[in-house]
Amino acid sequence: MPKGLSTAELPPLEEMRARSVTDQIFDLLYDRVVNLTLPPRAKLSEAEVAAQMGVSRQPVRDAFYRLSQLGFIQIRPQRATIVTPISEEAVLQAYFIRAALEESCMRVATARLTDDHLKALAVLLDLQAREIAAGNRAGFHALDDQFHHDICAFAGLEFVWILVKENKGHMDRARYLSLSYGADTAFAEHVQILDALRRRDAEAAVATIRQHLSRIEGIIAQLRIDQPQVFG
């Protein structure tokens, strides 16, 4: 037998590994950048974040680095770290990746979704309608994501949503700004997507998701007029 550990000597892995402090800080800051609680050009201090969260500076430094690698913050030595302005190029790149993945997912979903899956999606649409009526932008955004996630998951393509989520952050920043006037349209398109899935019409499902996601181009154009300061 080769030298080294035998399989009997390998330590068991924890069934559920706890999220690290860095992961928790990263997730919190990521969400606040995407939902614009931390708006473009907001200043961030490694020391202040560490003090407010009751942690050492190292996990904050690591979280900052991960955010900078994604293009969400700019780390400036000896100066304040800032949240980057929205990049139109980054938004359109995220759109390209997301559209390619979700269009492919729709073709599979039309064949695989069961009646129970379709009923669950209909319940989500009812919840989305309530959030719109209540003017709850954050609530609608979360349910919007869940709708797209669940279609992937129900189709047996959970990995597709993981890839989408890893790439859609820049797109989400622009989308979040548009929800005050774009939620009704997004909801109507969700209804059309569900209708296509019910009819098992793959071409209609693909065309509708393509139209739905491509609205980001119009959103950018409108934001350029209404809120030009958010762009770099």
Protein backbone atom coordinates (compact mmCIF):
# COMPACT_ATOMS: atom_id res chain seq x y z
CA MET A 1 0.00 0.00 0.00
CA PRO A 2 1.40 3.48 -0.87
CA LYS A 3 2.80 5.45 2.01
CA GLY A 4 0.56 8.09 3.54
CA LEU A 5 -2.84 8.13 5.18
CA SER A 6 -5.11 5.16 4.73
CA THR A 7 -8.77 5.91 4.15
CA ALA A 8 -9.43 4.77 7.71
CA GLU A 9 -7.27 7.63 8.98
CA LEU A 10 -9.02 10.37 7.05
CA PRO A 11 -10.95 12.71 9.38
CA PRO A 12 -14.71 12.99 8.79
CA LEU A 13 -15.94 16.23 7.29
CA GLU A 14 -18.55 18.22 9.15
CA GLU A 15 -21.96 17.54 7.71
CA MET A 16 -22.56 21.27 7.32
CA ARG A 17 -19.51 23.49 7.36
CA ALA A 18 -20.22 26.82 9.08
CA ARG A 19 -19.93 29.92 6.94
CA SER A 20 -16.76 31.81 7.72
CA VAL A 21 -16.73 35.32 9.15
CA THR A 22 -15.37 36.53 5.81
CA ASP A 23 -18.29 34.89 3.98
CA GLN A 24 -20.80 36.56 6.27
CA ILE A 25 -19.21 40.00 5.86
CA PHE A 26 -18.97 39.52 2.10
CA ASP A 27 -22.63 38.48 1.81
CA LEU A 28 -23.81 41.44 3.88
CA LEU A 29 -21.78 44.00 1.93
CA TYR A 30 -22.63 42.36 -1.41
CA ASP A 31 -26.37 42.62 -0.67
CA ARG A 32 -26.04 46.25 0.39
CA VAL A 33 -24.13 47.17 -2.76
CA VAL A 34 -26.68 45.41 -4.98
CA ASN A 35 -29.75 46.88 -3.25
CA LEU A 36 -28.06 50.30 -3.18
CA THR A 37 -28.09 50.68 0.59
CA LEU A 38 -24.44 51.32 -0.22
CA PRO A 39 -24.87 53.54 -3.30
CA PRO A 40 -22.28 54.21 -6.00
CA ARG A 41 -19.31 56.21 -4.66
CA ALA A 42 -20.18 55.48 -1.02
CA LYS A 43 -17.04 55.32 1.13
CA LEU A 44 -16.13 52.22 3.10
CA SER A 45 -13.62 51.97 5.92
CA GLU A 46 -12.07 48.63 6.78
CA ALA A 47 -11.60 49.77 10.38
CA GLU A 48 -15.18 51.07 10.72
CA VAL A 49 -16.74 47.93 9.25
CA ALA A 50 -14.64 45.76 11.59
CA ALA A 51 -15.63 47.87 14.61
CA GLN A 52 -19.34 47.91 13.74
CA MET A 53 -19.44 44.16 13.18
CA GLY A 54 -17.26 43.30 16.15
CA VAL A 55 -14.62 41.43 14.17
CA SER A 56 -10.93 41.81 13.41
CA ARG A 57 -9.82 43.67 10.31
CA GLN A 58 -8.49 40.60 8.48
CA PRO A 59 -11.86 39.06 7.47
CA VAL A 60 -13.08 42.52 6.45
CA ARG A 61 -9.95 42.96 4.33
CA ASP A 62 -10.59 39.57 2.72
CA ALA A 63 -14.24 40.44 2.03
CA PHE A 64 -13.20 43.77 0.52
CA TYR A 65 -10.77 41.96 -1.76
CA ARG A 66 -13.49 39.58 -3.01
CA LEU A 67 -15.83 42.50 -3.69
CA SER A 68 -13.09 44.34 -5.54
CA GLN A 69 -12.43 41.29 -7.72
CA LEU A 70 -16.10 41.35 -8.73
CA GLY A 71 -15.85 45.04 -9.57
CA PHE A 72 -18.17 46.27 -6.81
CA ILE A 73 -15.67 48.30 -4.82
CA GLN A 74 -12.40 50.05 -5.53
CA ILE A 75 -9.69 49.65 -2.92
CA ARG A 76 -7.45 52.71 -2.84
CA PRO A 77 -4.30 52.42 -0.67
CA GLN A 78 -4.05 55.16 1.95
CA ARG A 79 -7.47 56.47 0.86
CA ALA A 80 -11.07 55.47 1.46
CA THR A 81 -12.39 52.41 -0.35
CA ILE A 82 -15.38 53.35 -2.49
CA VAL A 83 -18.35 51.54 -4.00
CA THR A 84 -17.87 51.64 -7.75
CA PRO A 85 -20.34 53.42 -10.02
CA ILE A 86 -22.54 51.14 -12.12
CA SER A 87 -20.66 49.96 -15.21
CA GLU A 88 -22.82 49.68 -18.32
CA GLU A 89 -20.30 47.26 -19.79
CA ALA A 90 -20.45 45.01 -16.71
CA VAL A 91 -24.26 45.09 -16.73
CA LEU A 92 -24.43 44.05 -20.39
CA GLN A 93 -21.87 41.30 -19.87
CA ALA A 94 -23.98 39.95 -16.99
CA TYR A 95 -27.07 40.14 -19.20
CA PHE A 96 -25.36 38.18 -21.99
CA ILE A 97 -24.37 35.37 -19.61
CA ARG A 98 -27.73 35.27 -17.87
CA ALA A 99 -29.76 35.26 -21.09
CA ALA A 100 -27.73 32.41 -22.58
CA LEU A 101 -28.17 30.27 -19.47
CA GLU A 102 -31.84 30.94 -18.80
CA GLU A 103 -32.93 30.54 -22.42
CA SER A 104 -31.37 27.07 -22.43
CA CYS A 105 -33.01 26.33 -19.10
CA MET A 106 -36.45 27.24 -20.47
CA ARG A 107 -36.19 24.60 -23.19
CA VAL A 108 -35.62 21.94 -20.56
CA ALA A 109 -38.20 23.33 -18.14
CA THR A 110 -41.05 23.16 -20.64
CA ALA A 111 -40.56 19.39 -20.82
CA ARG A 112 -39.77 18.64 -17.19
CA LEU A 113 -41.97 20.81 -14.97
CA THR A 114 -44.83 18.95 -13.32
CA ASP A 115 -48.28 20.25 -12.48
CA ASP A 116 -47.16 20.69 -8.86
CA HIS A 117 -44.19 22.76 -10.03
CA LEU A 118 -46.48 24.97 -12.11
CA LYS A 119 -48.82 25.44 -9.15
CA ALA A 120 -45.89 26.47 -6.95
CA LEU A 121 -44.83 29.06 -9.54
CA ALA A 122 -48.39 30.39 -9.64
CA VAL A 123 -48.30 30.85 -5.85
CA LEU A 124 -45.08 32.85 -6.26
CA LEU A 125 -46.80 35.11 -8.78
CA ASP A 126 -49.62 35.74 -6.31
CA LEU A 127 -47.05 36.75 -3.70
CA GLN A 128 -45.30 39.02 -6.21
CA ALA A 129 -48.60 40.76 -6.97
CA ARG A 130 -49.08 41.45 -3.25
CA GLU A 131 -45.61 42.94 -2.89
CA ILE A 132 -46.20 45.23 -5.87
CA ALA A 133 -49.54 46.36 -4.41
CA ALA A 134 -47.78 47.07 -1.09
CA GLY A 135 -45.00 49.00 -2.83
CA ASN A 136 -42.42 46.63 -1.34
CA ARG A 137 -39.52 46.85 -3.79
CA ALA A 138 -37.19 44.60 -1.78
CA GLY A 139 -39.89 41.97 -1.34
CA PHE A 140 -40.67 41.88 -5.04
CA HIS A 141 -36.97 41.66 -5.94
CA ALA A 142 -36.52 38.63 -3.67
CA LEU A 143 -39.58 36.89 -5.13
CA ASP A 144 -38.44 37.77 -8.65
CA ASP A 145 -35.18 35.94 -7.97
CA GLN A 146 -37.03 33.01 -6.42
CA PHE A 147 -39.24 32.67 -9.51
CA HIS A 148 -36.22 32.37 -11.80
CA HIS A 149 -34.39 30.12 -9.33
CA ASP A 150 -37.34 27.76 -8.93
CA ILE A 151 -37.76 27.28 -12.66
CA CYS A 152 -34.12 26.18 -12.86
CA ALA A 153 -34.43 23.99 -9.76
CA PHE A 154 -37.70 22.36 -10.84
CA ALA A 155 -36.11 21.57 -14.20
CA GLY A 156 -33.28 19.77 -12.41
CA LEU A 157 -30.84 22.53 -13.35
CA GLU A 158 -30.05 24.12 -9.99
CA PHE A 159 -26.45 24.58 -11.15
CA VAL A 160 -27.70 26.99 -13.81
CA TRP A 161 -29.05 29.34 -11.17
CA ILE A 162 -25.79 29.12 -9.24
CA LEU A 163 -23.96 30.29 -12.36
CA VAL A 164 -26.55 33.01 -12.98
CA LYS A 165 -26.30 34.25 -9.39
CA GLU A 166 -22.50 34.39 -9.60
CA ASN A 167 -22.72 36.66 -12.64
CA LYS A 168 -25.82 38.82 -12.25
CA GLY A 169 -24.82 41.24 -9.49
CA HIS A 170 -24.04 44.18 -11.78
CA MET A 171 -27.31 43.62 -13.63
CA ASP A 172 -29.16 43.56 -10.31
CA ARG A 173 -27.91 47.01 -9.32
CA ALA A 174 -29.53 48.54 -12.38
CA ARG A 175 -32.65 46.39 -12.03
CA TYR A 176 -33.09 47.43 -8.42
CA LEU A 177 -33.09 51.11 -9.40
CA SER A 178 -35.84 50.43 -11.95
CA LEU A 179 -38.25 48.54 -9.68
CA SER A 180 -40.09 51.70 -8.66
CA TYR A 181 -41.44 51.91 -12.21
CA GLY A 182 -40.59 48.54 -13.79
CA ALA A 183 -42.05 45.99 -11.36
CA ASP A 184 -45.44 45.88 -13.09
CA THR A 185 -43.84 45.07 -16.43
CA ALA A 186 -41.56 42.45 -14.88
CA PHE A 187 -44.56 40.82 -13.20
CA ALA A 188 -46.57 40.77 -16.44
CA GLU A 189 -43.68 39.03 -18.18
CA HIS A 190 -43.48 36.47 -15.38
CA VAL A 191 -47.14 35.69 -16.07
CA GLN A 192 -46.31 35.19 -19.76
CA ILE A 193 -43.39 32.91 -18.89
CA LEU A 194 -45.59 30.74 -16.68
CA ASP A 195 -48.26 30.61 -19.41
CA ALA A 196 -45.69 29.36 -21.94
CA LEU A 197 -44.48 26.72 -19.48
CA ARG A 198 -48.04 25.54 -18.89
CA ARG A 199 -48.57 25.18 -22.64
CA ARG A 200 -45.26 23.28 -22.98
CA ASP A 201 -44.30 25.80 -25.64
CA ALA A 202 -40.52 25.92 -25.55
CA GLU A 203 -40.17 28.54 -28.28
CA ALA A 204 -42.62 30.89 -26.54
CA ALA A 205 -40.88 30.36 -23.20
CA VAL A 206 -37.49 31.18 -24.73
CA ALA A 207 -38.84 34.22 -26.57
CA THR A 208 -40.51 35.53 -23.43
CA ILE A 209 -37.46 35.10 -21.18
CA ARG A 210 -35.34 36.77 -23.86
CA GLN A 211 -37.72 39.75 -23.96
CA HIS A 212 -37.89 39.81 -20.16
CA LEU A 213 -34.14 39.90 -19.62
CA SER A 214 -33.43 42.23 -22.54
CA ARG A 215 -35.39 44.98 -20.79
CA ILE A 216 -32.13 45.75 -19.03
CA GLU A 217 -31.04 47.67 -22.13
CA GLY A 218 -34.04 49.98 -21.85
CA ILE A 219 -33.50 50.27 -18.10
CA ILE A 220 -29.94 51.47 -18.66
CA ALA A 221 -31.10 54.02 -21.23
CA GLN A 222 -33.75 55.35 -18.83
CA LEU A 223 -31.35 55.48 -15.90
CA ARG A 224 -28.90 57.42 -18.05
CA ILE A 225 -31.59 60.09 -18.24
CA ASP A 226 -33.04 59.89 -14.73
CA GLN A 227 -29.99 59.07 -12.62
CA PRO A 228 -26.81 59.65 -14.64
CA GLN A 229 -24.81 60.07 -11.43
CA VAL A 230 -24.95 56.32 -10.70
CA PHE A 231 -22.84 55.46 -13.76
CA GLY A 232 -19.10 55.59 -14.11
